[in-house]
Amino acid sequence: MRARSEVAGRHISIVARRASQLAASWEGQSQVDVTGDVNRLTFAVVSEALFGSDVEPFLEDFASFVATLNEHAVRELSSLVVLPVWMPTTAKRSLRRAAEGL
C-alpha cells in the first residue's frame, strides 16, 4: 500500500509541476491555444510518469499529430460516407502519417 501511495504522490507532483509551468507560460498572453497546450501537457505528464523521460523535443510533433487525428475524426463523424483509411486520398494520407507518427 505504501508503494502505491508513493507512486501516486510522484504522479501528482509531475502533474502539478507541469500544470504550473503551463500556467506560467500563459501569463501576459491575451490568447492561448488551450487545446494544443493541453495536448502537449498530457503527453508530457504521461511520458514522464510512465517512462521517466523528458519529451520536450517531441511535444510539437505530438500536438500536430493529435490535432490532425482530431480533425479527421470530427470530419468523419459528420460525414454520410466514410472512406476506408487505405484509400489514396490526400486526407487519408494525412491521417495515416499522423497515426504512424503518433
C-alpha atoms as a PDB file:
ATOM      1  CA  MET A   1       0.000   0.000   0.000  1.00  0.00           C
ATOM      2  CA  ARG A   2       2.839   2.385   0.819  1.00  0.00           C
ATOM      3  CA  ALA A   3       4.478   1.860  -2.579  1.00  0.00           C
ATOM      4  CA  ARG A   4       1.196   2.697  -4.314  1.00  0.00           C
ATOM      5  CA  SER A   5       0.863   5.966  -2.396  1.00  0.00           C
ATOM      6  CA  GLU A   6       4.484   6.871  -3.219  1.00  0.00           C
ATOM      7  CA  VAL A   7       3.812   6.329  -6.919  1.00  0.00           C
ATOM      8  CA  ALA A   8       0.593   8.358  -6.706  1.00  0.00           C
ATOM      9  CA  GLY A   9       2.463  11.134  -4.913  1.00  0.00           C
ATOM     10  CA  ARG A  10       5.139  11.169  -7.618  1.00  0.00           C
ATOM     11  CA  HIS A  11       2.487  11.332 -10.333  1.00  0.00           C
ATOM     12  CA  ILE A  12       0.674  14.142  -8.549  1.00  0.00           C
ATOM     13  CA  SER A  13       3.899  16.131  -8.303  1.00  0.00           C
ATOM     14  CA  ILE A  14       4.557  15.642 -12.033  1.00  0.00           C
ATOM     15  CA  VAL A  15       1.059  16.869 -12.922  1.00  0.00           C
ATOM     16  CA  ALA A  16       1.300  19.827 -10.538  1.00  0.00           C
ATOM     17  CA  ARG A  17       4.751  20.885 -11.783  1.00  0.00           C
ATOM     18  CA  ARG A  18       3.860  20.578 -15.470  1.00  0.00           C
ATOM     19  CA  ALA A  19       0.498  22.351 -14.997  1.00  0.00           C
ATOM     20  CA  SER A  20       2.215  25.175 -13.100  1.00  0.00           C
ATOM     21  CA  GLN A  21       4.748  25.550 -15.910  1.00  0.00           C
ATOM     22  CA  LEU A  22       1.932  25.698 -18.447  1.00  0.00           C
ATOM     23  CA  ALA A  23       0.002  28.284 -16.426  1.00  0.00           C
ATOM     24  CA  ALA A  24       3.168  30.377 -16.073  1.00  0.00           C
ATOM     25  CA  SER A  25       3.682  30.273 -19.845  1.00  0.00           C
ATOM     26  CA  TRP A  26       0.208  31.811 -20.278  1.00  0.00           C
ATOM     27  CA  GLU A  27       0.980  34.856 -18.115  1.00  0.00           C
ATOM     28  CA  GLY A  28       0.811  38.099 -20.055  1.00  0.00           C
ATOM     29  CA  GLN A  29      -0.803  36.490 -23.094  1.00  0.00           C
ATOM     30  CA  SER A  30      -4.180  37.715 -24.292  1.00  0.00           C
ATOM     31  CA  GLN A  31      -4.884  34.456 -26.144  1.00  0.00           C
ATOM     32  CA  VAL A  32      -3.646  30.899 -25.746  1.00  0.00           C
ATOM     33  CA  ASP A  33      -4.094  27.669 -27.684  1.00  0.00           C
ATOM     34  CA  VAL A  34      -5.707  25.698 -24.867  1.00  0.00           C
ATOM     35  CA  THR A  35      -6.332  22.572 -26.951  1.00  0.00           C
ATOM     36  CA  GLY A  36      -2.752  22.356 -28.200  1.00  0.00           C
ATOM     37  CA  ASP A  37      -1.313  23.248 -24.810  1.00  0.00           C
ATOM     38  CA  VAL A  38      -3.413  20.638 -23.012  1.00  0.00           C
ATOM     39  CA  ASN A  39      -2.426  18.010 -25.611  1.00  0.00           C
ATOM     40  CA  ARG A  40       1.251  18.825 -25.020  1.00  0.00           C
ATOM     41  CA  LEU A  41       0.698  18.827 -21.245  1.00  0.00           C
ATOM     42  CA  THR A  42      -0.970  15.407 -21.380  1.00  0.00           C
ATOM     43  CA  PHE A  43       1.835  13.915 -23.468  1.00  0.00           C
ATOM     44  CA  ALA A  44       4.492  15.387 -21.191  1.00  0.00           C
ATOM     45  CA  VAL A  45       2.809  14.152 -17.997  1.00  0.00           C
ATOM     46  CA  VAL A  46       2.130  10.644 -19.293  1.00  0.00           C
ATOM     47  CA  SER A  47       5.618  10.256 -20.756  1.00  0.00           C
ATOM     48  CA  GLU A  48       7.357  11.461 -17.618  1.00  0.00           C
ATOM     49  CA  ALA A  49       5.114   9.451 -15.278  1.00  0.00           C
ATOM     50  CA  LEU A  50       5.359   6.203 -17.237  1.00  0.00           C
ATOM     51  CA  PHE A  51       8.848   6.380 -18.693  1.00  0.00           C
ATOM     52  CA  GLY A  52      10.628   8.989 -16.594  1.00  0.00           C
ATOM     53  CA  SER A  53      11.782  10.708 -19.749  1.00  0.00           C
ATOM     54  CA  ASP A  54      11.909  14.263 -20.977  1.00  0.00           C
ATOM     55  CA  VAL A  55       9.771  14.535 -24.087  1.00  0.00           C
ATOM     56  CA  GLU A  56      10.117  18.247 -24.788  1.00  0.00           C
ATOM     57  CA  PRO A  57      11.711  17.667 -28.226  1.00  0.00           C
ATOM     58  CA  PHE A  58       8.651  15.666 -29.316  1.00  0.00           C
ATOM     59  CA  LEU A  59       5.833  17.833 -27.928  1.00  0.00           C
ATOM     60  CA  GLU A  60       5.211  19.872 -31.086  1.00  0.00           C
ATOM     61  CA  ASP A  61       5.065  16.768 -33.301  1.00  0.00           C
ATOM     62  CA  PHE A  62       2.751  15.068 -30.824  1.00  0.00           C
ATOM     63  CA  ALA A  63       0.405  18.070 -30.713  1.00  0.00           C
ATOM     64  CA  SER A  64       0.366  18.234 -34.514  1.00  0.00           C
ATOM     65  CA  PHE A  65      -0.410  14.513 -34.863  1.00  0.00           C
ATOM     66  CA  VAL A  66      -3.222  14.698 -32.312  1.00  0.00           C
ATOM     67  CA  ALA A  67      -4.700  17.801 -33.974  1.00  0.00           C
ATOM     68  CA  THR A  68      -4.689  16.053 -37.353  1.00  0.00           C
ATOM     69  CA  LEU A  69      -6.348  12.950 -35.916  1.00  0.00           C
ATOM     70  CA  ASN A  70      -8.969  15.088 -34.163  1.00  0.00           C
ATOM     71  CA  GLU A  71      -9.743  16.999 -37.370  1.00  0.00           C
ATOM     72  CA  HIS A  72     -10.259  13.744 -39.266  1.00  0.00           C
ATOM     73  CA  ALA A  73     -12.441  12.326 -36.518  1.00  0.00           C
ATOM     74  CA  VAL A  74     -14.702  15.385 -36.473  1.00  0.00           C
ATOM     75  CA  ARG A  75     -14.929  15.402 -40.273  1.00  0.00           C
ATOM     76  CA  GLU A  76     -15.785  11.703 -40.436  1.00  0.00           C
ATOM     77  CA  LEU A  77     -18.332  11.878 -37.607  1.00  0.00           C
ATOM     78  CA  SER A  78     -20.295  14.439 -39.598  1.00  0.00           C
ATOM     79  CA  SER A  79     -19.898  12.690 -42.955  1.00  0.00           C
ATOM     80  CA  LEU A  80     -22.534  10.474 -44.548  1.00  0.00           C
ATOM     81  CA  VAL A  81     -19.862   8.355 -46.241  1.00  0.00           C
ATOM     82  CA  VAL A  82     -16.553   7.436 -44.623  1.00  0.00           C
ATOM     83  CA  LEU A  83     -13.879   6.123 -46.931  1.00  0.00           C
ATOM     84  CA  PRO A  84     -11.567   3.353 -45.719  1.00  0.00           C
ATOM     85  CA  VAL A  85      -8.220   4.506 -44.327  1.00  0.00           C
ATOM     86  CA  TRP A  86      -6.303   2.766 -47.122  1.00  0.00           C
ATOM     87  CA  MET A  87      -7.863   4.954 -49.839  1.00  0.00           C
ATOM     88  CA  PRO A  88      -5.205   7.000 -51.698  1.00  0.00           C
ATOM     89  CA  THR A  89      -6.678  10.428 -50.948  1.00  0.00           C
ATOM     90  CA  THR A  90      -4.853  13.443 -49.531  1.00  0.00           C
ATOM     91  CA  ALA A  91      -6.950  13.325 -46.361  1.00  0.00           C
ATOM     92  CA  LYS A  92      -6.347   9.606 -45.806  1.00  0.00           C
ATOM     93  CA  ARG A  93      -2.595  10.004 -46.419  1.00  0.00           C
ATOM     94  CA  SER A  94      -2.540  12.779 -43.822  1.00  0.00           C
ATOM     95  CA  LEU A  95      -4.461  10.569 -41.403  1.00  0.00           C
ATOM     96  CA  ARG A  96      -2.055   7.649 -41.923  1.00  0.00           C
ATOM     97  CA  ARG A  97       1.022   9.899 -41.448  1.00  0.00           C
ATOM     98  CA  ALA A  98      -0.395  11.291 -38.201  1.00  0.00           C
ATOM     99  CA  ALA A  99      -1.292   7.815 -36.882  1.00  0.00           C
ATOM    100  CA  GLU A 100       2.149   6.433 -37.792  1.00  0.00           C
ATOM    101  CA  GLY A 101       3.906   9.447 -36.275  1.00  0.00           C
ATOM    102  CA  LEU A 102       1.969   9.158 -33.068  1.00  0.00           C
END
